[in-house]
């Protein structure tokens, strides 16, 4: 695939070449394939292509349903690459399905393995604000009592604070999700809104109830920055510094 260096206002296909915009606004050029859809669908030579296509479609659908289940905590975490990165992460989960034949491997079977859980754990939904660089103090997750604690939290010392931030919100979410059905239930914790100052302010996040239904348990932690103006809090830079990480899978 080529990348266009000069200015040229073309989008679409021209003389067998397809011009389109990449994720960062750059113009990319791709030569039109000479292989017909009918041949790909029926020619034995393309059996691997068909297998890969089926699995990719399955993984993409799983990613879409997973993001939909997380929408109430994901909406203000701004990263244009999160969809593609989550698809890549779930493809690795699908690869851990050792039961199904090639072309039919499933995410919901792969996620039952420890290897798949380990590969998906610590996934950051904002690559520009990984939780490890935003929250620099250890937290304790208690899945039995449904509680997350940061006992020695000092916002001034334990945060990667973006310029202009005056307040931080720390919260968590507990998602019960089944990749086989694409359905899940999300329960959110209390939200701790804290003024950023050099004072110890222990944080305890708890869940009033546990989500119900089939599937696995997914625990997430979220950090959101705000700026105060005339006694009103405003999201800082539309969420580009907000962190959301999948911290545990059970």
C-alpha atoms as a PDB file:
ATOM      1  CA  UNK A   1       0.000   0.000   0.000  1.00  0.00           C
ATOM      2  CA  UNK A   2       1.333   3.419  -0.955  1.00  0.00           C
ATOM      3  CA  UNK A   3       0.922   6.711   0.890  1.00  0.00           C
ATOM      4  CA  UNK A   4       0.353   9.919  -1.038  1.00  0.00           C
ATOM      5  CA  UNK A   5       2.893  12.611  -0.155  1.00  0.00           C
ATOM      6  CA  UNK A   6       1.645  15.488  -2.321  1.00  0.00           C
ATOM      7  CA  UNK A   7      -1.683  17.329  -2.241  1.00  0.00           C
ATOM      8  CA  UNK A   8      -4.321  15.654  -4.387  1.00  0.00           C
ATOM      9  CA  UNK A   9      -8.070  15.936  -3.852  1.00  0.00           C
ATOM     10  CA  UNK A  10      -9.190  12.475  -4.958  1.00  0.00           C
ATOM     11  CA  UNK A  11     -11.273   9.926  -3.101  1.00  0.00           C
ATOM     12  CA  UNK A  12     -12.514   6.763  -4.749  1.00  0.00           C
ATOM     13  CA  UNK A  13     -11.178   4.659  -7.620  1.00  0.00           C
ATOM     14  CA  UNK A  14      -9.220   6.037 -10.563  1.00  0.00           C
ATOM     15  CA  UNK A  15      -7.521   3.911 -13.217  1.00  0.00           C
ATOM     16  CA  UNK A  16      -7.487   0.840 -10.988  1.00  0.00           C
ATOM     17  CA  UNK A  17      -6.164   2.744  -7.966  1.00  0.00           C
ATOM     18  CA  UNK A  18      -8.284   3.401  -4.870  1.00  0.00           C
ATOM     19  CA  UNK A  19      -7.692   6.636  -2.931  1.00  0.00           C
ATOM     20  CA  UNK A  20      -8.990   6.900   0.629  1.00  0.00           C
ATOM     21  CA  UNK A  21      -8.319   8.634   3.929  1.00  0.00           C
ATOM     22  CA  UNK A  22      -6.470   6.786   6.678  1.00  0.00           C
ATOM     23  CA  UNK A  23      -7.349   6.996  10.390  1.00  0.00           C
ATOM     24  CA  UNK A  24      -5.100  10.020  10.901  1.00  0.00           C
ATOM     25  CA  UNK A  25      -6.322  11.930   7.855  1.00  0.00           C
ATOM     26  CA  UNK A  26      -3.524  10.872   5.525  1.00  0.00           C
ATOM     27  CA  UNK A  27      -4.359   9.887   1.930  1.00  0.00           C
ATOM     28  CA  UNK A  28      -3.637   6.219   1.161  1.00  0.00           C
ATOM     29  CA  UNK A  29      -3.505   4.565  -2.255  1.00  0.00           C
ATOM     30  CA  UNK A  30      -4.337   0.919  -2.907  1.00  0.00           C
ATOM     31  CA  UNK A  31      -4.332  -0.973  -6.189  1.00  0.00           C
ATOM     32  CA  UNK A  32      -7.650  -2.600  -7.025  1.00  0.00           C
ATOM     33  CA  UNK A  33      -7.584  -6.365  -6.560  1.00  0.00           C
ATOM     34  CA  UNK A  34      -7.871  -8.508  -9.658  1.00  0.00           C
ATOM     35  CA  UNK A  35      -9.588 -11.338  -7.799  1.00  0.00           C
ATOM     36  CA  UNK A  36     -13.383 -11.443  -8.006  1.00  0.00           C
ATOM     37  CA  UNK A  37     -15.610 -11.948  -4.976  1.00  0.00           C
ATOM     38  CA  UNK A  38     -17.093 -15.043  -6.609  1.00  0.00           C
ATOM     39  CA  UNK A  39     -13.678 -16.661  -6.948  1.00  0.00           C
ATOM     40  CA  UNK A  40     -12.771 -15.894  -3.340  1.00  0.00           C
ATOM     41  CA  UNK A  41     -16.102 -17.382  -2.217  1.00  0.00           C
ATOM     42  CA  UNK A  42     -15.798 -20.623  -4.211  1.00  0.00           C
ATOM     43  CA  UNK A  43     -12.225 -21.333  -5.328  1.00  0.00           C
ATOM     44  CA  UNK A  44     -10.530 -24.012  -3.140  1.00  0.00           C
ATOM     45  CA  UNK A  45      -7.327 -21.980  -3.421  1.00  0.00           C
ATOM     46  CA  UNK A  46      -8.931 -19.312  -1.236  1.00  0.00           C
ATOM     47  CA  UNK A  47     -10.150 -21.589   1.547  1.00  0.00           C
ATOM     48  CA  UNK A  48      -7.752 -19.973   4.031  1.00  0.00           C
ATOM     49  CA  UNK A  49      -8.988 -16.529   2.988  1.00  0.00           C
ATOM     50  CA  UNK A  50     -12.582 -17.597   3.640  1.00  0.00           C
ATOM     51  CA  UNK A  51     -11.654 -19.081   7.014  1.00  0.00           C
ATOM     52  CA  UNK A  52      -9.826 -15.922   8.044  1.00  0.00           C
ATOM     53  CA  UNK A  53     -12.729 -13.801   6.832  1.00  0.00           C
ATOM     54  CA  UNK A  54     -15.285 -15.726   8.898  1.00  0.00           C
ATOM     55  CA  UNK A  55     -13.180 -15.467  12.025  1.00  0.00           C
ATOM     56  CA  UNK A  56     -12.467 -11.777  11.475  1.00  0.00           C
ATOM     57  CA  UNK A  57     -16.183 -11.062  11.078  1.00  0.00           C
ATOM     58  CA  UNK A  58     -16.920 -12.951  14.282  1.00  0.00           C
ATOM     59  CA  UNK A  59     -14.220 -11.085  16.231  1.00  0.00           C
ATOM     60  CA  UNK A  60     -15.381  -7.705  14.906  1.00  0.00           C
ATOM     61  CA  UNK A  61     -18.966  -8.465  15.978  1.00  0.00           C
ATOM     62  CA  UNK A  62     -17.761  -9.485  19.445  1.00  0.00           C
ATOM     63  CA  UNK A  63     -15.830  -6.243  19.757  1.00  0.00           C
ATOM     64  CA  UNK A  64     -18.874  -4.219  18.771  1.00  0.00           C
ATOM     65  CA  UNK A  65     -21.148  -5.910  21.321  1.00  0.00           C
ATOM     66  CA  UNK A  66     -18.491  -5.587  24.043  1.00  0.00           C
ATOM     67  CA  UNK A  67     -18.097  -1.852  23.380  1.00  0.00           C
ATOM     68  CA  UNK A  68     -21.880  -1.454  23.381  1.00  0.00           C
ATOM     69  CA  UNK A  69     -22.080  -3.087  26.797  1.00  0.00           C
ATOM     70  CA  UNK A  70     -19.449  -0.632  28.071  1.00  0.00           C
ATOM     71  CA  UNK A  71     -20.890   2.454  26.412  1.00  0.00           C
ATOM     72  CA  UNK A  72     -21.945   4.179  29.636  1.00  0.00           C
ATOM     73  CA  UNK A  73     -18.317   4.253  30.837  1.00  0.00           C
ATOM     74  CA  UNK A  74     -16.622   4.352  27.440  1.00  0.00           C
ATOM     75  CA  UNK A  75     -18.335   7.350  25.839  1.00  0.00           C
ATOM     76  CA  UNK A  76     -15.951   9.990  27.229  1.00  0.00           C
ATOM     77  CA  UNK A  77     -12.727   8.024  26.732  1.00  0.00           C
ATOM     78  CA  UNK A  78     -11.423   9.457  23.486  1.00  0.00           C
ATOM     79  CA  UNK A  79      -9.148   7.319  21.323  1.00  0.00           C
ATOM     80  CA  UNK A  80      -9.873   6.724  17.641  1.00  0.00           C
ATOM     81  CA  UNK A  81      -7.801   3.550  17.649  1.00  0.00           C
ATOM     82  CA  UNK A  82      -9.700   1.724  20.413  1.00  0.00           C
ATOM     83  CA  UNK A  83     -12.014  -0.151  18.037  1.00  0.00           C
ATOM     84  CA  UNK A  84      -9.169  -1.552  15.937  1.00  0.00           C
ATOM     85  CA  UNK A  85      -7.021  -2.312  18.987  1.00  0.00           C
ATOM     86  CA  UNK A  86      -9.854  -4.121  20.754  1.00  0.00           C
ATOM     87  CA  UNK A  87     -10.465  -6.194  17.621  1.00  0.00           C
ATOM     88  CA  UNK A  88      -6.784  -7.178  17.584  1.00  0.00           C
ATOM     89  CA  UNK A  89      -6.913  -8.073  21.281  1.00  0.00           C
ATOM     90  CA  UNK A  90     -10.038 -10.212  20.832  1.00  0.00           C
ATOM     91  CA  UNK A  91      -8.440 -11.960  17.850  1.00  0.00           C
ATOM     92  CA  UNK A  92      -5.739 -13.187  20.247  1.00  0.00           C
ATOM     93  CA  UNK A  93      -8.472 -14.392  22.590  1.00  0.00           C
ATOM     94  CA  UNK A  94     -10.169 -16.232  19.719  1.00  0.00           C
ATOM     95  CA  UNK A  95      -6.865 -17.925  18.882  1.00  0.00           C
ATOM     96  CA  UNK A  96      -6.941 -19.629  22.303  1.00  0.00           C
ATOM     97  CA  UNK A  97     -10.007 -21.641  21.247  1.00  0.00           C
ATOM     98  CA  UNK A  98      -8.448 -25.099  20.884  1.00  0.00           C
ATOM     99  CA  UNK A  99     -11.790 -26.867  20.402  1.00  0.00           C
ATOM    100  CA  UNK A 100     -13.147 -25.464  17.132  1.00  0.00           C
ATOM    101  CA  UNK A 101     -11.799 -26.093  13.640  1.00  0.00           C
ATOM    102  CA  UNK A 102      -9.983 -23.379  11.733  1.00  0.00           C
ATOM    103  CA  UNK A 103     -12.407 -20.780  10.441  1.00  0.00           C
ATOM    104  CA  UNK A 104     -14.856 -21.460  13.282  1.00  0.00           C
ATOM    105  CA  UNK A 105     -12.823 -20.457  16.358  1.00  0.00           C
ATOM    106  CA  UNK A 106     -14.824 -18.380  18.842  1.00  0.00           C
ATOM    107  CA  UNK A 107     -14.029 -15.640  21.334  1.00  0.00           C
ATOM    108  CA  UNK A 108     -16.397 -17.058  23.967  1.00  0.00           C
ATOM    109  CA  UNK A 109     -14.486 -20.346  23.947  1.00  0.00           C
ATOM    110  CA  UNK A 110     -11.065 -18.731  23.926  1.00  0.00           C
ATOM    111  CA  UNK A 111     -11.807 -16.458  26.887  1.00  0.00           C
ATOM    112  CA  UNK A 112     -12.297 -19.490  29.129  1.00  0.00           C
ATOM    113  CA  UNK A 113      -8.549 -20.148  29.034  1.00  0.00           C
ATOM    114  CA  UNK A 114      -6.114 -18.466  31.404  1.00  0.00           C
ATOM    115  CA  UNK A 115      -3.910 -17.509  28.459  1.00  0.00           C
ATOM    116  CA  UNK A 116      -6.743 -15.515  26.891  1.00  0.00           C
ATOM    117  CA  UNK A 117      -7.612 -13.777  30.151  1.00  0.00           C
ATOM    118  CA  UNK A 118      -3.961 -12.839  30.623  1.00  0.00           C
ATOM    119  CA  UNK A 119      -3.733 -11.407  27.106  1.00  0.00           C
ATOM    120  CA  UNK A 120      -6.845  -9.226  27.506  1.00  0.00           C
ATOM    121  CA  UNK A 121      -6.213  -8.105  31.084  1.00  0.00           C
ATOM    122  CA  UNK A 122      -4.857  -4.543  31.395  1.00  0.00           C
ATOM    123  CA  UNK A 123      -6.292  -3.521  28.026  1.00  0.00           C
ATOM    124  CA  UNK A 124      -6.350   0.290  27.901  1.00  0.00           C
ATOM    125  CA  UNK A 125      -9.241   1.810  25.974  1.00  0.00           C
ATOM    126  CA  UNK A 126      -7.220   5.018  25.577  1.00  0.00           C
ATOM    127  CA  UNK A 127      -3.689   4.268  24.386  1.00  0.00           C
ATOM    128  CA  UNK A 128      -2.764   7.910  24.995  1.00  0.00           C
ATOM    129  CA  UNK A 129      -3.691   7.626  28.681  1.00  0.00           C
ATOM    130  CA  UNK A 130      -2.708   4.166  29.972  1.00  0.00           C
ATOM    131  CA  UNK A 131      -3.848   3.643  33.547  1.00  0.00           C
ATOM    132  CA  UNK A 132      -0.286   2.893  34.671  1.00  0.00           C
ATOM    133  CA  UNK A 133       0.839   6.386  33.648  1.00  0.00           C
ATOM    134  CA  UNK A 134      -2.297   8.156  34.912  1.00  0.00           C
ATOM    135  CA  UNK A 135      -2.679   6.401  38.279  1.00  0.00           C
ATOM    136  CA  UNK A 136       0.702   5.864  39.927  1.00  0.00           C
ATOM    137  CA  UNK A 137      -0.469   4.358  43.206  1.00  0.00           C
ATOM    138  CA  UNK A 138      -1.305   0.711  43.819  1.00  0.00           C
ATOM    139  CA  UNK A 139      -4.953  -0.322  44.085  1.00  0.00           C
ATOM    140  CA  UNK A 140      -6.448  -3.424  45.683  1.00  0.00           C
ATOM    141  CA  UNK A 141      -9.285  -5.293  43.960  1.00  0.00           C
ATOM    142  CA  UNK A 142     -11.417  -7.494  46.216  1.00  0.00           C
ATOM    143  CA  UNK A 143     -13.728  -9.500  43.958  1.00  0.00           C
ATOM    144  CA  UNK A 144     -15.311 -11.337  46.916  1.00  0.00           C
ATOM    145  CA  UNK A 145     -16.535  -8.166  48.622  1.00  0.00           C
ATOM    146  CA  UNK A 146     -16.934  -6.233  45.341  1.00  0.00           C
ATOM    147  CA  UNK A 147     -14.603  -3.426  46.336  1.00  0.00           C
ATOM    148  CA  UNK A 148     -11.575  -1.559  45.007  1.00  0.00           C
ATOM    149  CA  UNK A 149      -9.385   0.450  47.343  1.00  0.00           C
ATOM    150  CA  UNK A 150      -6.549   2.940  46.943  1.00  0.00           C
ATOM    151  CA  UNK A 151      -5.614   3.290  50.625  1.00  0.00           C
ATOM    152  CA  UNK A 152      -2.752   5.768  50.299  1.00  0.00           C
ATOM    153  CA  UNK A 153      -3.927   8.003  47.491  1.00  0.00           C
ATOM    154  CA  UNK A 154      -2.473  11.495  47.176  1.00  0.00           C
ATOM    155  CA  UNK A 155      -3.819  13.119  43.987  1.00  0.00           C
ATOM    156  CA  UNK A 156      -0.950  15.565  43.629  1.00  0.00           C
ATOM    157  CA  UNK A 157       1.704  12.867  43.942  1.00  0.00           C
ATOM    158  CA  UNK A 158      -0.033   9.782  42.582  1.00  0.00           C
ATOM    159  CA  UNK A 159      -1.470  11.067  39.307  1.00  0.00           C
ATOM    160  CA  UNK A 160      -0.042  11.899  35.920  1.00  0.00           C
ATOM    161  CA  UNK A 161      -1.797  15.251  35.874  1.00  0.00           C
ATOM    162  CA  UNK A 162      -2.438  16.892  32.487  1.00  0.00           C
ATOM    163  CA  UNK A 163      -1.991  20.638  32.257  1.00  0.00           C
ATOM    164  CA  UNK A 164      -5.056  22.560  33.391  1.00  0.00           C
ATOM    165  CA  UNK A 165      -6.643  19.766  35.441  1.00  0.00           C
ATOM    166  CA  UNK A 166      -8.020  20.838  38.831  1.00  0.00           C
ATOM    167  CA  UNK A 167     -10.166  17.829  39.753  1.00  0.00           C
ATOM    168  CA  UNK A 168     -10.151  14.099  39.131  1.00  0.00           C
ATOM    169  CA  UNK A 169     -12.926  11.521  39.191  1.00  0.00           C
ATOM    170  CA  UNK A 170     -12.089   7.917  39.982  1.00  0.00           C
ATOM    171  CA  UNK A 171     -14.646   5.165  39.488  1.00  0.00           C
ATOM    172  CA  UNK A 172     -14.980   1.512  38.563  1.00  0.00           C
ATOM    173  CA  UNK A 173     -17.308  -0.781  36.674  1.00  0.00           C
ATOM    174  CA  UNK A 174     -18.213  -4.465  36.940  1.00  0.00           C
ATOM    175  CA  UNK A 175     -19.438  -6.056  33.727  1.00  0.00           C
ATOM    176  CA  UNK A 176     -20.916  -9.522  33.414  1.00  0.00           C
ATOM    177  CA  UNK A 177     -20.627 -10.317  29.713  1.00  0.00           C
ATOM    178  CA  UNK A 178     -21.193 -13.334  27.495  1.00  0.00           C
ATOM    179  CA  UNK A 179     -19.349 -13.239  24.171  1.00  0.00           C
ATOM    180  CA  UNK A 180     -21.519 -16.085  22.859  1.00  0.00           C
ATOM    181  CA  UNK A 181     -24.750 -14.078  23.064  1.00  0.00           C
ATOM    182  CA  UNK A 182     -23.224 -10.593  22.926  1.00  0.00           C
ATOM    183  CA  UNK A 183     -25.233  -9.601  25.991  1.00  0.00           C
ATOM    184  CA  UNK A 184     -24.125  -8.300  29.360  1.00  0.00           C
ATOM    185  CA  UNK A 185     -25.025  -6.281  32.424  1.00  0.00           C
ATOM    186  CA  UNK A 186     -22.926  -3.405  33.779  1.00  0.00           C
ATOM    187  CA  UNK A 187     -22.879  -2.145  37.363  1.00  0.00           C
ATOM    188  CA  UNK A 188     -21.008   1.056  38.167  1.00  0.00           C
ATOM    189  CA  UNK A 189     -19.384   1.937  41.462  1.00  0.00           C
ATOM    190  CA  UNK A 190     -19.613   5.165  43.389  1.00  0.00           C
ATOM    191  CA  UNK A 191     -17.679   8.071  41.856  1.00  0.00           C
ATOM    192  CA  UNK A 192     -15.009   9.820  43.910  1.00  0.00           C
ATOM    193  CA  UNK A 193     -14.583  13.447  42.792  1.00  0.00           C
ATOM    194  CA  UNK A 194     -11.379  14.828  44.284  1.00  0.00           C
ATOM    195  CA  UNK A 195      -9.692  18.214  44.209  1.00  0.00           C
ATOM    196  CA  UNK A 196      -6.100  17.793  43.062  1.00  0.00           C
ATOM    197  CA  UNK A 197      -3.948  18.833  46.013  1.00  0.00           C
ATOM    198  CA  UNK A 198      -1.030  17.498  48.050  1.00  0.00           C
ATOM    199  CA  UNK A 199      -3.178  15.739  50.642  1.00  0.00           C
ATOM    200  CA  UNK A 200      -3.739  12.046  51.269  1.00  0.00           C
ATOM    201  CA  UNK A 201      -7.267  11.093  50.278  1.00  0.00           C
ATOM    202  CA  UNK A 202      -7.956   7.336  50.468  1.00  0.00           C
ATOM    203  CA  UNK A 203     -10.348   6.036  47.812  1.00  0.00           C
ATOM    204  CA  UNK A 204     -12.838   3.201  48.215  1.00  0.00           C
ATOM    205  CA  UNK A 205     -14.967   2.105  45.265  1.00  0.00           C
ATOM    206  CA  UNK A 206     -17.784  -0.356  45.881  1.00  0.00           C
ATOM    207  CA  UNK A 207     -20.676  -1.907  43.967  1.00  0.00           C
ATOM    208  CA  UNK A 208     -24.163  -1.906  45.441  1.00  0.00           C
ATOM    209  CA  UNK A 209     -25.047  -5.099  43.562  1.00  0.00           C
ATOM    210  CA  UNK A 210     -23.393  -7.670  41.341  1.00  0.00           C
ATOM    211  CA  UNK A 211     -24.362  -7.911  37.665  1.00  0.00           C
ATOM    212  CA  UNK A 212     -26.267 -11.051  36.760  1.00  0.00           C
ATOM    213  CA  UNK A 213     -26.334 -13.380  33.794  1.00  0.00           C
ATOM    214  CA  UNK A 214     -24.010 -15.809  32.023  1.00  0.00           C
ATOM    215  CA  UNK A 215     -20.448 -15.113  30.962  1.00  0.00           C
ATOM    216  CA  UNK A 216     -17.333 -13.802  32.645  1.00  0.00           C
ATOM    217  CA  UNK A 217     -16.789 -10.973  35.110  1.00  0.00           C
ATOM    218  CA  UNK A 218     -14.861  -7.953  33.832  1.00  0.00           C
ATOM    219  CA  UNK A 219     -13.636  -5.259  36.224  1.00  0.00           C
ATOM    220  CA  UNK A 220     -12.642  -1.835  34.933  1.00  0.00           C
ATOM    221  CA  UNK A 221     -11.159   1.285  36.511  1.00  0.00           C
ATOM    222  CA  UNK A 222     -11.689   4.779  35.159  1.00  0.00           C
ATOM    223  CA  UNK A 223      -9.922   8.103  35.762  1.00  0.00           C
ATOM    224  CA  UNK A 224     -11.441  11.328  34.403  1.00  0.00           C
ATOM    225  CA  UNK A 225      -9.925  14.807  34.591  1.00  0.00           C
ATOM    226  CA  UNK A 226     -11.831  18.072  34.951  1.00  0.00           C
ATOM    227  CA  UNK A 227     -11.080  21.771  34.998  1.00  0.00           C
ATOM    228  CA  UNK A 228     -13.046  24.167  37.184  1.00  0.00           C
ATOM    229  CA  UNK A 229     -14.174  27.541  35.899  1.00  0.00           C
ATOM    230  CA  UNK A 230     -16.451  29.837  37.911  1.00  0.00           C
ATOM    231  CA  UNK A 231     -17.303  26.981  40.272  1.00  0.00           C
ATOM    232  CA  UNK A 232     -18.340  24.714  37.403  1.00  0.00           C
ATOM    233  CA  UNK A 233     -16.487  21.544  36.407  1.00  0.00           C
ATOM    234  CA  UNK A 234     -15.796  20.973  32.713  1.00  0.00           C
ATOM    235  CA  UNK A 235     -14.305  17.847  31.079  1.00  0.00           C
ATOM    236  CA  UNK A 236     -10.659  18.521  30.282  1.00  0.00           C
ATOM    237  CA  UNK A 237      -9.958  18.607  26.535  1.00  0.00           C
ATOM    238  CA  UNK A 238     -13.026  16.484  25.721  1.00  0.00           C
ATOM    239  CA  UNK A 239     -11.683  13.358  27.370  1.00  0.00           C
ATOM    240  CA  UNK A 240      -8.373  12.824  25.581  1.00  0.00           C
ATOM    241  CA  UNK A 241      -6.630  12.380  28.961  1.00  0.00           C
ATOM    242  CA  UNK A 242      -9.242  10.039  30.451  1.00  0.00           C
ATOM    243  CA  UNK A 243      -8.163   6.499  31.270  1.00  0.00           C
ATOM    244  CA  UNK A 244     -10.221   3.298  31.249  1.00  0.00           C
ATOM    245  CA  UNK A 245      -8.530  -0.035  31.802  1.00  0.00           C
ATOM    246  CA  UNK A 246      -9.774  -3.614  32.049  1.00  0.00           C
ATOM    247  CA  UNK A 247      -8.060  -4.540  35.315  1.00  0.00           C
ATOM    248  CA  UNK A 248      -9.342  -8.083  35.889  1.00  0.00           C
ATOM    249  CA  UNK A 249     -11.243 -10.948  34.259  1.00  0.00           C
ATOM    250  CA  UNK A 250     -12.741 -13.774  36.297  1.00  0.00           C
END
